[in-house]
PDB file of N, CA and C in Angstrom:
ATOM      1  N   MET A   1     134.127 233.890  81.834  1.00  0.00           N
ATOM      2  CA  MET A   1     134.516 232.739  82.621  1.00  0.00           C
ATOM      3  C   MET A   1     135.931 232.331  82.260  1.00  0.00           C
ATOM      4  N   GLY A   2     136.517 231.514  83.107  1.00  0.00           N
ATOM      5  CA  GLY A   2     137.903 231.101  82.930  1.00  0.00           C
ATOM      6  C   GLY A   2     138.051 229.844  82.109  1.00  0.00           C
ATOM      7  N   LYS A   3     138.924 228.982  82.559  1.00  0.00           N
ATOM      8  CA  LYS A   3     139.256 227.765  81.816  1.00  0.00           C
ATOM      9  C   LYS A   3     138.269 226.629  82.049  1.00  0.00           C
ATOM     10  N   TRP A   4     137.246 226.877  82.849  1.00  0.00           N
ATOM     11  CA  TRP A   4     136.262 225.847  83.154  1.00  0.00           C
ATOM     12  C   TRP A   4     135.012 226.055  82.325  1.00  0.00           C
ATOM     13  N   GLU A   5     134.325 224.964  82.025  1.00  0.00           N
ATOM     14  CA  GLU A   5     133.103 225.040  81.229  1.00  0.00           C
ATOM     15  C   GLU A   5     131.977 224.284  81.922  1.00  0.00           C
ATOM     16  N   ASN A   6     130.762 224.791  81.779  1.00  0.00           N
ATOM     17  CA  ASN A   6     129.605 224.087  82.324  1.00  0.00           C
ATOM     18  C   ASN A   6     129.535 222.681  81.775  1.00  0.00           C
ATOM     19  N   GLY A   7     129.259 221.736  82.655  1.00  0.00           N
ATOM     20  CA  GLY A   7     129.089 220.349  82.255  1.00  0.00           C
ATOM     21  C   GLY A   7     130.366 219.549  82.182  1.00  0.00           C
ATOM     22  N   MET A   8     131.514 220.191  82.433  1.00  0.00           N
ATOM     23  CA  MET A   8     132.750 219.421  82.391  1.00  0.00           C
ATOM     24  C   MET A   8     132.799 218.472  83.589  1.00  0.00           C
ATOM     25  N   ALA A   9     133.553 217.401  83.452  1.00  0.00           N
ATOM     26  CA  ALA A   9     133.676 216.423  84.535  1.00  0.00           C
ATOM     27  C   ALA A   9     134.302 217.091  85.754  1.00  0.00           C
ATOM     28  N   ALA A  10     133.648 216.944  86.889  1.00  0.00           N
ATOM     29  CA  ALA A  10     134.130 217.585  88.108  1.00  0.00           C
ATOM     30  C   ALA A  10     135.532 217.134  88.473  1.00  0.00           C
ATOM     31  N   ASP A  11     135.885 215.883  88.150  1.00  0.00           N
ATOM     32  CA  ASP A  11     137.230 215.409  88.478  1.00  0.00           C
ATOM     33  C   ASP A  11     138.298 216.020  87.567  1.00  0.00           C
ATOM     34  N   GLN A  12     137.893 216.774  86.560  1.00  0.00           N
ATOM     35  CA  GLN A  12     138.838 217.456  85.681  1.00  0.00           C
ATOM     36  C   GLN A  12     139.147 218.874  86.167  1.00  0.00           C
ATOM     37  N   ILE A  13     138.524 219.268  87.260  1.00  0.00           N
ATOM     38  CA  ILE A  13     138.760 220.599  87.816  1.00  0.00           C
ATOM     39  C   ILE A  13     139.879 220.477  88.853  1.00  0.00           C
ATOM     40  N   ALA A  14     141.093 220.606  88.373  1.00  0.00           N
ATOM     41  CA  ALA A  14     142.278 220.415  89.218  1.00  0.00           C
ATOM     42  C   ALA A  14     142.307 221.434  90.357  1.00  0.00           C
ATOM     43  N   GLY A  15     142.613 220.952  91.535  1.00  0.00           N
ATOM     44  CA  GLY A  15     142.776 221.817  92.699  1.00  0.00           C
ATOM     45  C   GLY A  15     141.488 222.254  93.370  1.00  0.00           C
ATOM     46  N   ALA A  16     140.338 221.828  92.853  1.00  0.00           N
ATOM     47  CA  ALA A  16     139.068 222.223  93.474  1.00  0.00           C
ATOM     48  C   ALA A  16     138.971 221.639  94.874  1.00  0.00           C
ATOM     49  N   ARG A  17     138.567 222.462  95.817  1.00  0.00           N
ATOM     50  CA  ARG A  17     138.349 222.022  97.197  1.00  0.00           C
ATOM     51  C   ARG A  17     136.842 222.052  97.432  1.00  0.00           C
ATOM     52  N   TRP A  18     136.231 220.885  97.314  1.00  0.00           N
ATOM     53  CA  TRP A  18     134.776 220.771  97.394  1.00  0.00           C
ATOM     54  C   TRP A  18     134.311 220.833  98.827  1.00  0.00           C
ATOM     55  N   GLN A  19     133.214 221.552  99.058  1.00  0.00           N
ATOM     56  CA  GLN A  19     132.623 221.677 100.391  1.00  0.00           C
ATOM     57  C   GLN A  19     131.179 221.202 100.330  1.00  0.00           C
ATOM     58  N   LYS A  20     130.836 220.336 101.264  1.00  0.00           N
ATOM     59  CA  LYS A  20     129.490 219.771 101.342  1.00  0.00           C
ATOM     60  C   LYS A  20     128.836 220.244 102.638  1.00  0.00           C
ATOM     61  N   ALA A  21     127.545 220.474 102.591  1.00  0.00           N
ATOM     62  CA  ALA A  21     126.811 220.889 103.786  1.00  0.00           C
ATOM     63  C   ALA A  21     126.830 219.780 104.838  1.00  0.00           C
ATOM     64  N   ARG A  22     126.909 220.166 106.090  1.00  0.00           N
ATOM     65  CA  ARG A  22     126.887 219.186 107.181  1.00  0.00           C
ATOM     66  C   ARG A  22     125.559 218.445 107.248  1.00  0.00           C
ATOM     67  N   ALA A  23     124.517 219.005 106.642  1.00  0.00           N
ATOM     68  CA  ALA A  23     123.195 218.373 106.663  1.00  0.00           C
ATOM     69  C   ALA A  23     123.105 217.185 105.715  1.00  0.00           C
ATOM     70  N   SER A  24     124.136 216.920 104.938  1.00  0.00           N
ATOM     71  CA  SER A  24     124.124 215.789 104.009  1.00  0.00           C
ATOM     72  C   SER A  24     123.916 214.492 104.782  1.00  0.00           C
ATOM     73  N   ASP A  25     123.133 213.590 104.199  1.00  0.00           N
ATOM     74  CA  ASP A  25     122.868 212.329 104.880  1.00  0.00           C
ATOM     75  C   ASP A  25     123.900 211.261 104.506  1.00  0.00           C
ATOM     76  N   ALA A  26     123.752 210.072 105.048  1.00  0.00           N
ATOM     77  CA  ALA A  26     124.710 208.981 104.840  1.00  0.00           C
ATOM     78  C   ALA A  26     124.790 208.539 103.378  1.00  0.00           C
ATOM     79  N   LYS A  27     123.766 208.851 102.594  1.00  0.00           N
ATOM     80  CA  LYS A  27     123.758 208.488 101.175  1.00  0.00           C
ATOM     81  C   LYS A  27     124.420 209.562 100.310  1.00  0.00           C
ATOM     82  N   ASN A  28     124.975 210.594 100.943  1.00  0.00           N
ATOM     83  CA  ASN A  28     125.585 211.724 100.237  1.00  0.00           C
ATOM     84  C   ASN A  28     124.578 212.481  99.381  1.00  0.00           C
ATOM     85  N   ASP A  29     123.340 212.585  99.849  1.00  0.00           N
ATOM     86  CA  ASP A  29     122.319 213.324  99.117  1.00  0.00           C
ATOM     87  C   ASP A  29     122.489 214.820  99.374  1.00  0.00           C
ATOM     88  N   CYS A  30     123.375 215.423  98.614  1.00  0.00           N
ATOM     89  CA  CYS A  30     123.684 216.828  98.820  1.00  0.00           C
ATOM     90  C   CYS A  30     124.377 217.357  97.566  1.00  0.00           C
ATOM     91  N   ILE A  31     124.609 218.642  97.547  1.00  0.00           N
ATOM     92  CA  ILE A  31     125.461 219.206  96.512  1.00  0.00           C
ATOM     93  C   ILE A  31     126.749 219.656  97.182  1.00  0.00           C
ATOM     94  N   GLU A  32     127.785 219.820  96.376  1.00  0.00           N
ATOM     95  CA  GLU A  32     129.065 220.326  96.859  1.00  0.00           C
ATOM     96  C   GLU A  32     129.432 221.546  96.033  1.00  0.00           C
ATOM     97  N   VAL A  33     130.110 222.480  96.663  1.00  0.00           N
ATOM     98  CA  VAL A  33     130.505 223.728  96.021  1.00  0.00           C
ATOM     99  C   VAL A  33     132.007 223.896  96.163  1.00  0.00           C
ATOM    100  N   ALA A  34     132.631 224.416  95.103  1.00  0.00           N
ATOM    101  CA  ALA A  34     134.063 224.733  95.150  1.00  0.00           C
ATOM    102  C   ALA A  34     134.265 226.123  94.565  1.00  0.00           C
ATOM    103  N   ARG A  35     135.053 226.935  95.237  1.00  0.00           N
ATOM    104  CA  ARG A  35     135.423 228.243  94.681  1.00  0.00           C
ATOM    105  C   ARG A  35     136.620 228.013  93.782  1.00  0.00           C
ATOM    106  N   LEU A  36     136.470 228.348  92.511  1.00  0.00           N
ATOM    107  CA  LEU A  36     137.518 228.086  91.536  1.00  0.00           C
ATOM    108  C   LEU A  36     138.473 229.259  91.374  1.00  0.00           C
ATOM    109  N   SER A  37     137.929 230.451  91.507  1.00  0.00           N
ATOM    110  CA  SER A  37     138.729 231.663  91.364  1.00  0.00           C
ATOM    111  C   SER A  37     138.005 232.779  92.093  1.00  0.00           C
ATOM    112  N   GLU A  38     138.510 233.971  91.976  1.00  0.00           N
ATOM    113  CA  GLU A  38     137.873 235.111  92.618  1.00  0.00           C
ATOM    114  C   GLU A  38     136.455 235.335  92.096  1.00  0.00           C
ATOM    115  N   ASN A  39     136.190 234.915  90.861  1.00  0.00           N
ATOM    116  CA  ASN A  39     134.899 235.182  90.246  1.00  0.00           C
ATOM    117  C   ASN A  39     134.153 233.947  89.764  1.00  0.00           C
ATOM    118  N   GLU A  40     134.577 232.745  90.143  1.00  0.00           N
ATOM    119  CA  GLU A  40     133.904 231.546  89.649  1.00  0.00           C
ATOM    120  C   GLU A  40     133.743 230.477  90.723  1.00  0.00           C
ATOM    121  N   TYR A  41     132.574 229.815  90.674  1.00  0.00           N
ATOM    122  CA  TYR A  41     132.248 228.722  91.575  1.00  0.00           C
ATOM    123  C   TYR A  41     131.784 227.527  90.751  1.00  0.00           C
ATOM    124  N   ALA A  42     132.000 226.342  91.289  1.00  0.00           N
ATOM    125  CA  ALA A  42     131.498 225.119  90.656  1.00  0.00           C
ATOM    126  C   ALA A  42     130.572 224.418  91.640  1.00  0.00           C
ATOM    127  N   VAL A  43     129.547 223.754  91.106  1.00  0.00           N
ATOM    128  CA  VAL A  43     128.598 222.991  91.909  1.00  0.00           C
ATOM    129  C   VAL A  43     128.495 221.599  91.293  1.00  0.00           C
ATOM    130  N   ARG A  44     128.510 220.575  92.158  1.00  0.00           N
ATOM    131  CA  ARG A  44     128.362 219.198  91.676  1.00  0.00           C
ATOM    132  C   ARG A  44     127.455 218.419  92.618  1.00  0.00           C
ATOM    133  N   ASN A  45     126.961 217.281  92.154  1.00  0.00           N
ATOM    134  CA  ASN A  45     126.135 216.372  92.933  1.00  0.00           C
ATOM    135  C   ASN A  45     127.078 215.472  93.740  1.00  0.00           C
ATOM    136  N   SER A  46     126.931 215.444  95.048  1.00  0.00           N
ATOM    137  CA  SER A  46     127.855 214.665  95.884  1.00  0.00           C
ATOM    138  C   SER A  46     127.736 213.157  95.661  1.00  0.00           C
ATOM    139  N   ARG A  47     126.602 212.695  95.122  1.00  0.00           N
ATOM    140  CA  ARG A  47     126.473 211.259  94.818  1.00  0.00           C
ATOM    141  C   ARG A  47     127.263 210.862  93.579  1.00  0.00           C
ATOM    142  N   PHE A  48     127.591 211.829  92.755  1.00  0.00           N
ATOM    143  CA  PHE A  48     128.339 211.583  91.520  1.00  0.00           C
ATOM    144  C   PHE A  48     129.523 212.544  91.446  1.00  0.00           C
ATOM    145  N   PRO A  49     130.510 212.376  92.321  1.00  0.00           N
ATOM    146  CA  PRO A  49     131.601 213.350  92.424  1.00  0.00           C
ATOM    147  C   PRO A  49     132.445 213.505  91.165  1.00  0.00           C
ATOM    148  N   ASP A  50     132.441 212.529  90.293  1.00  0.00           N
ATOM    149  CA  ASP A  50     133.191 212.656  89.042  1.00  0.00           C
ATOM    150  C   ASP A  50     132.313 213.150  87.897  1.00  0.00           C
ATOM    151  N   GLY A  51     131.040 213.325  88.173  1.00  0.00           N
ATOM    152  CA  GLY A  51     130.089 213.731  87.144  1.00  0.00           C
ATOM    153  C   GLY A  51     130.241 215.197  86.756  1.00  0.00           C
ATOM    154  N   PRO A  52     129.270 215.722  86.047  1.00  0.00           N
ATOM    155  CA  PRO A  52     129.383 217.086  85.546  1.00  0.00           C
ATOM    156  C   PRO A  52     129.284 218.130  86.655  1.00  0.00           C
ATOM    157  N   ALA A  53     129.966 219.237  86.415  1.00  0.00           N
ATOM    158  CA  ALA A  53     129.913 220.378  87.327  1.00  0.00           C
ATOM    159  C   ALA A  53     129.305 221.560  86.584  1.00  0.00           C
ATOM    160  N   LEU A  54     128.538 222.342  87.293  1.00  0.00           N
ATOM    161  CA  LEU A  54     128.009 223.582  86.737  1.00  0.00           C
ATOM    162  C   LEU A  54     128.864 224.730  87.264  1.00  0.00           C
ATOM    163  N   ILE A  55     129.220 225.644  86.385  1.00  0.00           N
ATOM    164  CA  ILE A  55     130.103 226.752  86.724  1.00  0.00           C
ATOM    165  C   ILE A  55     129.284 228.040  86.771  1.00  0.00           C
ATOM    166  N   TYR A  56     129.459 228.815  87.838  1.00  0.00           N
ATOM    167  CA  TYR A  56     128.724 230.061  88.017  1.00  0.00           C
ATOM    168  C   TYR A  56     129.694 231.194  88.326  1.00  0.00           C
ATOM    169  N   THR A  57     129.329 232.395  87.887  1.00  0.00           N
ATOM    170  CA  THR A  57     130.110 233.576  88.251  1.00  0.00           C
ATOM    171  C   THR A  57     129.809 233.922  89.710  1.00  0.00           C
ATOM    172  N   LYS A  58     130.625 234.780  90.290  1.00  0.00           N
ATOM    173  CA  LYS A  58     130.399 235.223  91.662  1.00  0.00           C
ATOM    174  C   LYS A  58     129.041 235.920  91.775  1.00  0.00           C
ATOM    175  N   ASP A  59     128.692 236.751  90.802  1.00  0.00           N
ATOM    176  CA  ASP A  59     127.402 237.446  90.849  1.00  0.00           C
ATOM    177  C   ASP A  59     126.232 236.470  90.807  1.00  0.00           C
ATOM    178  N   GLU A  60     126.318 235.451  89.961  1.00  0.00           N
ATOM    179  CA  GLU A  60     125.258 234.435  89.888  1.00  0.00           C
ATOM    180  C   GLU A  60     125.147 233.681  91.205  1.00  0.00           C
ATOM    181  N   PHE A  61     126.296 233.273  91.742  1.00  0.00           N
ATOM    182  CA  PHE A  61     126.314 232.512  92.987  1.00  0.00           C
ATOM    183  C   PHE A  61     125.786 233.363  94.142  1.00  0.00           C
ATOM    184  N   ASP A  62     126.232 234.620  94.210  1.00  0.00           N
ATOM    185  CA  ASP A  62     125.768 235.523  95.272  1.00  0.00           C
ATOM    186  C   ASP A  62     124.254 235.729  95.202  1.00  0.00           C
ATOM    187  N   ALA A  63     123.709 235.860  93.993  1.00  0.00           N
ATOM    188  CA  ALA A  63     122.265 236.052  93.840  1.00  0.00           C
ATOM    189  C   ALA A  63     121.506 234.819  94.345  1.00  0.00           C
ATOM    190  N   PHE A  64     122.034 233.630  94.056  1.00  0.00           N
ATOM    191  CA  PHE A  64     121.394 232.401  94.525  1.00  0.00           C
ATOM    192  C   PHE A  64     121.443 232.311  96.054  1.00  0.00           C
ATOM    193  N   ILE A  65     122.603 232.537  96.629  1.00  0.00           N
ATOM    194  CA  ILE A  65     122.752 232.481  98.093  1.00  0.00           C
ATOM    195  C   ILE A  65     121.835 233.505  98.759  1.00  0.00           C
ATOM    196  N   ASP A  66     121.723 234.686  98.181  1.00  0.00           N
ATOM    197  CA  ASP A  66     120.830 235.711  98.710  1.00  0.00           C
ATOM    198  C   ASP A  66     119.382 235.212  98.681  1.00  0.00           C
ATOM    199  N   GLY A  67     118.981 234.603  97.571  1.00  0.00           N
ATOM    200  CA  GLY A  67     117.623 234.071  97.462  1.00  0.00           C
ATOM    201  C   GLY A  67     117.353 232.962  98.460  1.00  0.00           C
ATOM    202  N   VAL A  68     118.334 232.088  98.670  1.00  0.00           N
ATOM    203  CA  VAL A  68     118.187 231.023  99.668  1.00  0.00           C
ATOM    204  C   VAL A  68     118.001 231.638 101.048  1.00  0.00           C
ATOM    205  N   GLY A  69     118.844 232.610 101.370  1.00  0.00           N
ATOM    206  CA  GLY A  69     118.763 233.268 102.675  1.00  0.00           C
ATOM    207  C   GLY A  69     117.431 233.953 102.920  1.00  0.00           C
ATOM    208  N   LYS A  70     116.804 234.437 101.850  1.00  0.00           N
ATOM    209  CA  LYS A  70     115.509 235.108 101.964  1.00  0.00           C
ATOM    210  C   LYS A  70     114.332 234.137 101.877  1.00  0.00           C
ATOM    211  N   GLY A  71     114.622 232.855 101.735  1.00  0.00           N
ATOM    212  CA  GLY A  71     113.565 231.852 101.693  1.00  0.00           C
ATOM    213  C   GLY A  71     112.850 231.739 100.353  1.00  0.00           C
ATOM    214  N   GLU A  72     113.444 232.301  99.287  1.00  0.00           N
ATOM    215  CA  GLU A  72     112.775 232.319  97.988  1.00  0.00           C
ATOM    216  C   GLU A  72     112.629 230.941  97.365  1.00  0.00           C
ATOM    217  N   PHE A  73     113.357 229.950  97.862  1.00  0.00           N
ATOM    218  CA  PHE A  73     113.273 228.599  97.311  1.00  0.00           C
ATOM    219  C   PHE A  73     112.668 227.607  98.308  1.00  0.00           C
ATOM    220  N   SER A  74     112.152 228.108  99.395  1.00  0.00           N
ATOM    221  CA  SER A  74     111.599 227.240 100.435  1.00  0.00           C
ATOM    222  C   SER A  74     110.458 226.367  99.926  1.00  0.00           C
ATOM    223  N   ASN A  75     109.734 226.828  98.935  1.00  0.00           N
ATOM    224  CA  ASN A  75     108.626 226.024  98.391  1.00  0.00           C
ATOM    225  C   ASN A  75     109.126 224.779  97.692  1.00  0.00           C
ATOM    226  N   MET A  76     110.401 224.696  97.374  1.00  0.00           N
ATOM    227  CA  MET A  76     110.958 223.519  96.705  1.00  0.00           C
ATOM    228  C   MET A  76     111.357 222.428  97.685  1.00  0.00           C
ATOM    229  N   ALA A  77     111.444 222.742  98.952  1.00  0.00           N
ATOM    230  CA  ALA A  77     111.836 221.770  99.985  1.00  0.00           C
ATOM    231  C   ALA A  77     110.589 221.139 100.585  1.00  0.00           C
ATOM    232  N   VAL A  78     109.866 220.423  99.768  1.00  0.00           N
ATOM    233  CA  VAL A  78     108.606 219.811 100.201  1.00  0.00           C
ATOM    234  C   VAL A  78     108.817 218.346 100.476  1.00  0.00           C
TER     235      VAL A  78
END
């Protein structure tokens, strides 16, 4: 990983361009994702934009997106 660490304050990630799903409601109940580099992504809670961010490699992020696309986490949306 690069200069970012898991759990660091999201507002300390200079230049991050956060993207939120259009499905987010008026209370900002969503997560936001930012691509930090060619091989790193950050995820934060949109209700706490200055709070901690989790950092993932491209392979980790791709595996998660693949699982979402295949419905592997659908049981959690109850």
